[in-house]
């Protein structure tokens, strides 16, 4: 059995975060397009906020990946590696976006659109 380079898992994780950010950005822009009839001009600032959050996640994921690689190269393990704050922050943002979406849908249903 050949040994696996320890940095490969960190690289796969970084690529997964990039895909997550791409999905967040595309979803935000699609939401801006779909919500424009309901929110008018307020839909695009919401979409821009989603893209900005995505860029923030991308930067945080890059820093986290660098910290993981640094921990693996200096200590050889992740005993004191970076915490899971990035995942928690993304989960909070996802819940907030879901709540806002629910409020918009209920508002549209009540208005009869």
Protein backbone atom coordinates (compact mmCIF):
# COMPACT_ATOMS: atom_id res chain seq x y z
CA UNK A 1 0.00 0.00 0.00
CA UNK A 2 1.40 3.39 -0.94
CA UNK A 3 1.39 6.15 1.67
CA UNK A 4 -0.93 9.10 1.06
CA UNK A 5 0.51 12.59 1.19
CA UNK A 6 -1.02 14.39 4.22
CA UNK A 7 -1.58 17.60 2.25
CA UNK A 8 -3.97 15.96 -0.21
CA UNK A 9 -6.87 15.95 2.23
CA UNK A 10 -6.36 19.66 2.88
CA UNK A 11 -6.30 20.29 -0.87
CA UNK A 12 -9.54 18.35 -1.39
CA UNK A 13 -11.15 20.31 1.42
CA UNK A 14 -10.05 23.61 -0.12
CA UNK A 15 -11.52 22.56 -3.45
CA UNK A 16 -14.78 21.64 -1.73
CA UNK A 17 -14.93 25.11 -0.15
CA UNK A 18 -14.36 26.67 -3.58
CA UNK A 19 -17.30 24.70 -4.97
CA UNK A 20 -19.39 25.84 -2.00
CA UNK A 21 -18.50 29.48 -2.65
CA UNK A 22 -19.29 29.11 -6.36
CA UNK A 23 -22.69 27.63 -5.50
CA UNK A 24 -23.34 30.44 -3.03
CA UNK A 25 -22.44 33.13 -5.56
CA UNK A 26 -24.47 31.59 -8.39
CA UNK A 27 -27.41 30.97 -6.06
CA UNK A 28 -27.28 34.57 -4.84
CA UNK A 29 -27.31 35.94 -8.37
CA UNK A 30 -30.14 33.60 -9.35
CA UNK A 31 -32.08 34.67 -6.26
CA UNK A 32 -31.61 38.30 -7.27
CA UNK A 33 -33.10 37.53 -10.66
CA UNK A 34 -36.01 35.49 -9.27
CA UNK A 35 -36.82 37.89 -6.43
CA UNK A 36 -36.74 41.01 -8.59
CA UNK A 37 -40.51 40.96 -9.31
CA UNK A 38 -41.28 40.57 -5.60
CA UNK A 39 -38.68 42.88 -4.08
CA UNK A 40 -38.09 45.30 -6.95
CA UNK A 41 -34.74 47.02 -6.70
CA UNK A 42 -34.10 45.48 -3.29
CA UNK A 43 -33.39 42.07 -4.82
CA UNK A 44 -29.99 43.00 -6.23
CA UNK A 45 -28.49 44.29 -2.97
CA UNK A 46 -29.52 40.96 -1.42
CA UNK A 47 -27.73 39.16 -4.27
CA UNK A 48 -24.63 41.31 -3.82
CA UNK A 49 -24.58 40.53 -0.10
CA UNK A 50 -24.65 36.82 -0.96
CA UNK A 51 -21.70 37.23 -3.34
CA UNK A 52 -19.75 39.26 -0.74
CA UNK A 53 -20.43 36.58 1.89
CA UNK A 54 -19.15 34.03 -0.62
CA UNK A 55 -15.94 35.98 -1.12
CA UNK A 56 -15.51 36.20 2.64
CA UNK A 57 -15.95 32.44 2.92
CA UNK A 58 -13.41 31.96 0.12
CA UNK A 59 -10.83 34.09 1.94
CA UNK A 60 -11.47 32.36 5.26
CA UNK A 61 -11.24 28.93 3.61
CA UNK A 62 -7.92 29.90 2.03
CA UNK A 63 -6.53 30.97 5.40
CA UNK A 64 -7.83 27.77 6.98
CA UNK A 65 -6.24 25.60 4.27
CA UNK A 66 -2.92 27.39 4.74
CA UNK A 67 -3.12 26.85 8.50
CA UNK A 68 -3.83 23.14 8.00
CA UNK A 69 -0.89 22.72 5.62
CA UNK A 70 1.33 24.65 8.03
CA UNK A 71 0.23 22.44 10.96
CA UNK A 72 0.83 19.28 8.95
CA UNK A 73 4.26 20.39 7.78
CA UNK A 74 5.55 21.61 11.17
CA UNK A 75 3.96 19.16 13.62
CA UNK A 76 2.81 16.35 11.35
CA UNK A 77 -0.69 16.31 12.81
CA UNK A 78 -3.71 18.53 13.41
CA UNK A 79 -3.78 18.27 17.20
CA UNK A 80 -3.91 22.06 17.46
CA UNK A 81 -5.22 22.82 13.97
CA UNK A 82 -7.77 25.46 13.08
CA UNK A 83 -11.22 25.31 14.64
CA UNK A 84 -14.48 24.76 12.79
CA UNK A 85 -15.60 28.39 13.00
CA UNK A 86 -15.85 28.70 9.22
CA UNK A 87 -18.35 25.86 9.00
CA UNK A 88 -20.39 27.32 11.87
CA UNK A 89 -20.45 30.77 10.25
CA UNK A 90 -21.59 29.32 6.93
CA UNK A 91 -24.34 27.35 8.71
CA UNK A 92 -25.57 30.53 10.42
CA UNK A 93 -25.63 32.40 7.09
CA UNK A 94 -27.52 29.52 5.45
CA UNK A 95 -30.15 29.56 8.20
CA UNK A 96 -30.54 33.34 7.93
CA UNK A 97 -30.95 33.13 4.15
CA UNK A 98 -33.55 30.40 4.65
CA UNK A 99 -35.50 32.52 7.13
CA UNK A 100 -35.43 35.52 4.77
CA UNK A 101 -36.59 33.29 1.92
CA UNK A 102 -39.43 31.96 4.04
CA UNK A 103 -40.52 35.48 4.97
CA UNK A 104 -40.53 36.49 1.29
CA UNK A 105 -42.58 33.44 0.29
CA UNK A 106 -45.11 34.01 3.07
CA UNK A 107 -45.33 37.69 2.16
CA UNK A 108 -45.96 36.83 -1.49
CA UNK A 109 -48.60 34.27 -0.52
CA UNK A 110 -50.42 36.77 1.68
CA UNK A 111 -50.31 39.47 -1.00
CA UNK A 112 -51.72 36.99 -3.53
CA UNK A 113 -48.88 37.21 -6.06
